[in-house]
Amino acid sequence: MNFDLSKLQTNIIAIVINVIILIALFKLINVVDKKIIDKIKSQESNSPLLRFIPVIMKLLKVILVFLAITGILQTQGYSISSIIAGFGIGGLAVGMAAKDTLANIFGSISILSDHVYRIGDYVKVNGVEGYVEDVTIRSTKIRDLDNFLTTVPNNVVANAVVINVSKAYKRLLKVTFGVTYSTDNDSIKRAKEILKEVATNHKDILKNFTIAIHDMGESSINIRFMGYINTGSYFKFLRVRGEFLEQVIAGFRAANIDFAFPSRSIYIESDNSKIEN
């Protein structure tokens, strides 16, 4: 039996070099991992990205271990092409099975890295709207106003049009007030003044609003108010809108301005020249 000492030494040296390189790369990954996590924490302490970064780093380490093993096997005289082909066949089967999972992972990374939304934001996505309750590797959980929890796969979110309502810094307030046709010109002018006074005195209504007669309805002269409420919150919007309406109603009633309601005037024409039994 021939024992080739030089070949053994070469193999040992190759293994040691691969191990050293692998350890160095692992340490580099750990440093990068820490820096990325520290940066994310400085921007958002509870970001879901903090859950994903360790998964990505572990995946990189697995890939590096695979490359190191194939390098060592190559030094032992094994055919790398046949090894890769073997892994390729198995990887194809695994890849087909894990296609949606991988799509969800990359979708979640895309959503969070682009700051599409954060936990607590109110969003509309793919026919679902509500508050983002959680973002996992696979899906986004949205709690709607009926308190129902909807789970949307992240690959669907990544390819959908997402409306982040919470990103709005103001919301449109558009209200039409119908007054009766019997309202005189001075009362119509006073109605517009009341709208202006209420909007000007409310701290949450921005001052660049518009008040004008909008149209002549079937049973009312319609005065429209258009302005913005200084909030992106739907609940605050509802509160401010309610306060605005209450004050306008009180002002109209104090000024004896009547709100119109659906009505019809019927005119009966009498023809005395035609009298029948």
Protein backbone atom coordinates (compact mmCIF):
# COMPACT_ATOMS: atom_id res chain seq x y z
CA MET A 1 0.00 0.00 0.00
CA ASN A 2 1.50 3.31 -1.12
CA PHE A 3 0.97 6.21 1.21
CA ASP A 4 1.44 9.64 -0.40
CA LEU A 5 2.44 11.91 2.48
CA SER A 6 2.78 15.02 0.34
CA LYS A 7 -0.74 14.63 -1.00
CA LEU A 8 -2.08 14.23 2.53
CA GLN A 9 -0.26 17.38 3.60
CA THR A 10 -1.68 19.25 0.63
CA ASN A 11 -5.19 18.11 1.48
CA ILE A 12 -4.79 19.10 5.13
CA ILE A 13 -3.46 22.53 4.14
CA ALA A 14 -6.41 23.03 1.73
CA ILE A 15 -8.88 22.06 4.45
CA VAL A 16 -7.23 24.40 6.98
CA ILE A 17 -7.24 27.29 4.48
CA ASN A 18 -10.94 26.72 3.70
CA VAL A 19 -11.80 26.58 7.40
CA ILE A 20 -9.85 29.79 8.12
CA ILE A 21 -11.55 31.59 5.22
CA LEU A 22 -14.93 30.28 6.41
CA ILE A 23 -14.34 31.51 9.98
CA ALA A 24 -13.21 34.91 8.69
CA LEU A 25 -16.31 35.23 6.51
CA PHE A 26 -18.55 34.18 9.42
CA LYS A 27 -17.01 36.92 11.58
CA LEU A 28 -17.50 39.44 8.78
CA ILE A 29 -21.16 38.42 8.48
CA ASN A 30 -21.61 38.83 12.25
CA VAL A 31 -20.12 42.35 12.11
CA VAL A 32 -22.34 43.34 9.19
CA ASP A 33 -25.33 41.76 10.94
CA LYS A 34 -24.71 43.84 14.09
CA LYS A 35 -24.25 47.09 12.15
CA ILE A 36 -27.45 46.57 10.15
CA ILE A 37 -29.45 45.70 13.29
CA ASP A 38 -28.07 48.74 15.16
CA LYS A 39 -29.00 51.00 12.25
CA ILE A 40 -32.54 49.60 12.06
CA LYS A 41 -32.99 49.94 15.83
CA SER A 42 -31.91 53.58 15.68
CA GLN A 43 -34.66 54.25 13.12
CA GLU A 44 -37.41 51.99 14.49
CA SER A 45 -36.88 49.99 17.66
CA ASN A 46 -39.63 47.44 16.95
CA SER A 47 -39.15 47.04 13.20
CA PRO A 48 -40.12 43.58 11.88
CA LEU A 49 -36.91 43.70 9.83
CA LEU A 50 -35.10 42.80 13.05
CA ARG A 51 -36.65 39.32 12.72
CA PHE A 52 -35.64 38.89 9.10
CA ILE A 53 -31.99 39.95 9.23
CA PRO A 54 -30.85 36.93 11.35
CA VAL A 55 -32.65 34.59 8.94
CA ILE A 56 -30.86 36.12 5.95
CA MET A 57 -27.50 35.96 7.71
CA LYS A 58 -28.00 32.28 8.58
CA LEU A 59 -28.87 31.60 4.97
CA LEU A 60 -25.62 33.26 3.88
CA LYS A 61 -23.68 31.11 6.32
CA VAL A 62 -25.30 27.95 4.96
CA ILE A 63 -24.31 28.97 1.43
CA LEU A 64 -20.74 29.62 2.56
CA VAL A 65 -20.54 26.22 4.28
CA PHE A 66 -21.80 24.58 1.10
CA LEU A 67 -19.16 26.37 -0.97
CA ALA A 68 -16.44 25.41 1.53
CA ILE A 69 -17.48 21.74 1.48
CA THR A 70 -17.51 21.64 -2.33
CA GLY A 71 -14.06 23.27 -2.34
CA ILE A 72 -12.69 20.65 0.07
CA LEU A 73 -14.23 17.81 -1.95
CA GLN A 74 -12.68 19.20 -5.09
CA THR A 75 -9.24 19.03 -3.50
CA GLN A 76 -9.96 15.37 -2.74
CA GLY A 77 -10.50 14.66 -6.43
CA TYR A 78 -14.30 14.59 -6.51
CA SER A 79 -16.10 16.05 -9.51
CA ILE A 80 -17.75 19.35 -8.55
CA SER A 81 -19.95 19.33 -11.64
CA SER A 82 -21.56 16.03 -10.63
CA ILE A 83 -22.05 17.29 -7.06
CA ILE A 84 -23.67 20.51 -8.28
CA ALA A 85 -25.81 18.52 -10.73
CA GLY A 86 -26.98 16.31 -7.87
CA PHE A 87 -27.80 19.30 -5.72
CA GLY A 88 -29.41 20.94 -8.73
CA ILE A 89 -31.92 18.13 -9.21
CA GLY A 90 -32.80 18.13 -5.51
CA GLY A 91 -32.74 21.90 -5.39
CA LEU A 92 -35.16 22.10 -8.30
CA ALA A 93 -37.67 19.94 -6.46
CA VAL A 94 -37.24 21.90 -3.24
CA GLY A 95 -37.37 25.18 -5.14
CA MET A 96 -40.68 24.29 -6.78
CA ALA A 97 -42.14 23.38 -3.40
CA ALA A 98 -40.75 26.48 -1.68
CA LYS A 99 -41.44 28.93 -4.52
CA ASP A 100 -44.28 30.74 -2.71
CA THR A 101 -42.37 30.78 0.57
CA LEU A 102 -39.34 32.39 -1.06
CA ALA A 103 -41.61 34.88 -2.84
CA ASN A 104 -43.17 35.80 0.50
CA ILE A 105 -39.75 36.25 2.13
CA PHE A 106 -38.50 38.54 -0.61
CA GLY A 107 -41.87 40.31 -0.62
CA SER A 108 -41.63 41.02 3.11
CA ILE A 109 -38.07 42.35 2.75
CA SER A 110 -39.22 44.60 -0.10
CA ILE A 111 -42.18 45.91 1.91
CA LEU A 112 -40.14 46.71 5.00
CA SER A 113 -37.03 48.06 3.29
CA ASP A 114 -39.16 50.41 1.15
CA HIS A 115 -41.13 51.49 4.27
CA VAL A 116 -44.43 50.76 2.52
CA TYR A 117 -46.07 50.55 5.94
CA ARG A 118 -45.29 49.91 9.58
CA ILE A 119 -47.10 48.12 12.38
CA GLY A 120 -50.00 50.33 13.44
CA ASP A 121 -50.51 51.98 10.03
CA TYR A 122 -53.97 52.01 8.45
CA VAL A 123 -53.69 50.58 4.93
CA LYS A 124 -55.79 49.49 1.96
CA VAL A 125 -54.35 46.57 0.01
CA ASN A 126 -55.92 44.11 -2.42
CA GLY A 127 -59.48 44.83 -1.26
CA VAL A 128 -58.55 44.63 2.43
CA GLU A 129 -58.29 47.66 4.69
CA GLY A 130 -57.46 48.08 8.34
CA TYR A 131 -54.59 48.43 10.78
CA VAL A 132 -51.34 46.50 10.22
CA GLU A 133 -51.06 44.27 13.27
CA ASP A 134 -47.99 42.24 12.37
CA VAL A 135 -45.57 41.57 9.51
CA THR A 136 -44.00 38.12 9.46
CA ILE A 137 -41.69 36.42 6.98
CA ARG A 138 -44.68 34.92 5.19
CA SER A 139 -47.54 37.40 5.52
CA THR A 140 -49.00 40.67 6.74
CA LYS A 141 -51.81 40.60 9.30
CA ILE A 142 -54.42 43.37 8.96
CA ARG A 143 -57.11 44.04 11.57
CA ASP A 144 -60.14 45.75 9.99
CA LEU A 145 -62.63 48.09 11.68
CA ASP A 146 -64.96 45.15 12.42
CA ASN A 147 -62.04 43.64 14.38
CA PHE A 148 -61.65 40.81 11.87
CA LEU A 149 -58.06 39.67 11.26
CA THR A 150 -57.06 39.17 7.62
CA THR A 151 -53.78 37.52 6.61
CA VAL A 152 -52.37 38.64 3.26
CA PRO A 153 -49.34 36.83 1.75
CA ASN A 154 -46.42 39.22 1.33
CA ASN A 155 -45.85 38.26 -2.30
CA VAL A 156 -49.42 39.49 -2.97
CA VAL A 157 -48.74 42.73 -1.09
CA ALA A 158 -45.45 43.29 -2.92
CA ASN A 159 -47.28 43.16 -6.29
CA ALA A 160 -50.40 45.08 -5.23
CA VAL A 161 -51.28 48.77 -5.06
CA VAL A 162 -50.95 49.70 -1.37
CA ILE A 163 -52.64 52.81 0.00
CA ASN A 164 -51.16 53.85 3.33
CA VAL A 165 -53.85 56.07 4.83
CA SER A 166 -51.70 56.79 7.90
CA LYS A 167 -49.11 58.51 5.70
CA ALA A 168 -51.64 61.25 4.88
CA TYR A 169 -50.85 64.44 6.77
CA LYS A 170 -54.29 65.93 6.04
CA ARG A 171 -57.74 64.66 5.03
CA LEU A 172 -60.35 66.25 2.81
CA LEU A 173 -63.51 67.59 4.46
CA LYS A 174 -66.21 68.08 1.85
CA VAL A 175 -69.73 68.82 3.06
CA THR A 176 -72.76 70.21 1.21
CA PHE A 177 -75.46 72.13 3.11
CA GLY A 178 -78.81 72.47 1.42
CA VAL A 179 -81.00 75.47 2.35
CA THR A 180 -84.57 76.02 1.24
CA TYR A 181 -85.37 78.01 -1.90
CA SER A 182 -87.30 80.46 0.28
CA THR A 183 -84.01 81.52 1.96
CA ASP A 184 -83.36 85.19 1.13
CA ASN A 185 -80.06 86.57 -0.15
CA ASP A 186 -78.95 87.96 3.22
CA SER A 187 -79.55 84.60 4.89
CA ILE A 188 -77.55 82.79 2.20
CA LYS A 189 -74.70 85.26 2.79
CA ARG A 190 -75.01 84.68 6.54
CA ALA A 191 -74.92 80.91 6.02
CA LYS A 192 -71.59 81.24 4.20
CA GLU A 193 -70.28 83.48 6.98
CA ILE A 194 -71.23 80.86 9.60
CA LEU A 195 -69.30 78.19 7.71
CA LYS A 196 -66.28 80.48 7.51
CA GLU A 197 -66.44 81.37 11.23
CA VAL A 198 -66.72 77.74 12.35
CA ALA A 199 -63.86 76.59 10.09
CA THR A 200 -61.61 79.52 11.04
CA ASN A 201 -62.12 78.99 14.78
CA HIS A 202 -61.48 75.23 14.71
CA LYS A 203 -57.81 74.51 15.44
CA ASP A 204 -57.73 71.27 13.40
CA ILE A 205 -59.19 72.68 10.17
CA LEU A 206 -56.61 74.17 7.83
CA LYS A 207 -57.34 77.72 6.72
CA ASN A 208 -57.11 77.27 2.93
CA PHE A 209 -60.78 76.22 2.60
CA THR A 210 -63.40 77.15 0.00
CA ILE A 211 -67.05 78.05 0.53
CA ALA A 212 -69.38 78.62 -2.43
CA ILE A 213 -72.85 77.90 -3.78
CA HIS A 214 -72.34 74.56 -5.47
CA ASP A 215 -75.54 74.04 -7.43
CA MET A 216 -79.32 74.34 -7.49
CA GLY A 217 -80.77 71.06 -6.34
CA GLU A 218 -84.26 69.69 -6.83
CA SER A 219 -85.38 71.02 -3.46
CA SER A 220 -82.47 73.12 -2.15
CA ILE A 221 -79.83 75.71 -2.80
CA ASN A 222 -76.62 73.81 -2.08
CA ILE A 223 -73.69 75.51 -0.35
CA ARG A 224 -70.49 73.47 -0.38
CA PHE A 225 -67.59 73.61 2.06
CA MET A 226 -64.26 72.12 0.98
CA GLY A 227 -61.19 72.14 3.21
CA TYR A 228 -58.69 69.91 4.97
CA ILE A 229 -58.46 68.52 8.47
CA ASN A 230 -54.95 68.49 9.91
CA THR A 231 -54.68 64.74 10.54
CA GLY A 232 -54.15 61.39 8.86
CA SER A 233 -56.12 59.52 11.53
CA TYR A 234 -59.57 58.34 10.45
CA PHE A 235 -60.94 58.51 13.99
CA LYS A 236 -59.72 62.07 14.51
CA PHE A 237 -61.17 62.97 11.11
CA LEU A 238 -64.57 61.67 12.22
CA ARG A 239 -64.37 63.61 15.48
CA VAL A 240 -63.41 66.91 13.83
CA ARG A 241 -66.02 66.46 11.10
CA GLY A 242 -68.68 65.84 13.77
CA GLU A 243 -67.65 68.95 15.71
CA PHE A 244 -67.74 71.02 12.53
CA LEU A 245 -71.25 69.80 11.64
CA GLU A 246 -72.58 70.37 15.16
CA GLN A 247 -71.35 73.97 15.23
CA VAL A 248 -72.68 74.71 11.75
CA ILE A 249 -76.11 73.26 12.62
CA ALA A 250 -76.23 75.36 15.80
CA GLY A 251 -75.20 78.49 13.85
CA PHE A 252 -77.82 77.94 11.14
CA ARG A 253 -80.58 77.41 13.70
CA ALA A 254 -79.57 80.51 15.66
CA ALA A 255 -79.78 82.53 12.42
CA ASN A 256 -83.16 80.96 11.51
CA ILE A 257 -81.74 79.43 8.34
CA ASP A 258 -83.76 76.37 7.40
CA PHE A 259 -82.18 73.20 6.05
CA ALA A 260 -83.96 71.83 3.00
CA PHE A 261 -85.40 68.36 2.78
CA PRO A 262 -86.72 66.49 -0.27
CA SER A 263 -89.98 68.11 -1.31
CA ARG A 264 -92.15 68.77 -4.37
CA SER A 265 -94.47 71.62 -5.24
CA ILE A 266 -97.65 70.55 -7.07
CA TYR A 267 -99.56 73.12 -9.12
CA ILE A 268 -103.20 72.31 -10.04
CA GLU A 269 -104.53 74.12 -13.05
CA SER A 270 -108.29 74.74 -13.08
CA ASP A 271 -110.20 74.90 -16.36
CA ASN A 272 -113.76 76.10 -15.73
CA SER A 273 -114.62 76.06 -19.43
CA LYS A 274 -114.86 72.28 -19.39
CA ILE A 275 -117.38 70.88 -16.98
CA GLU A 276 -118.57 67.34 -17.24
CA ASN A 277 -120.97 65.33 -15.23
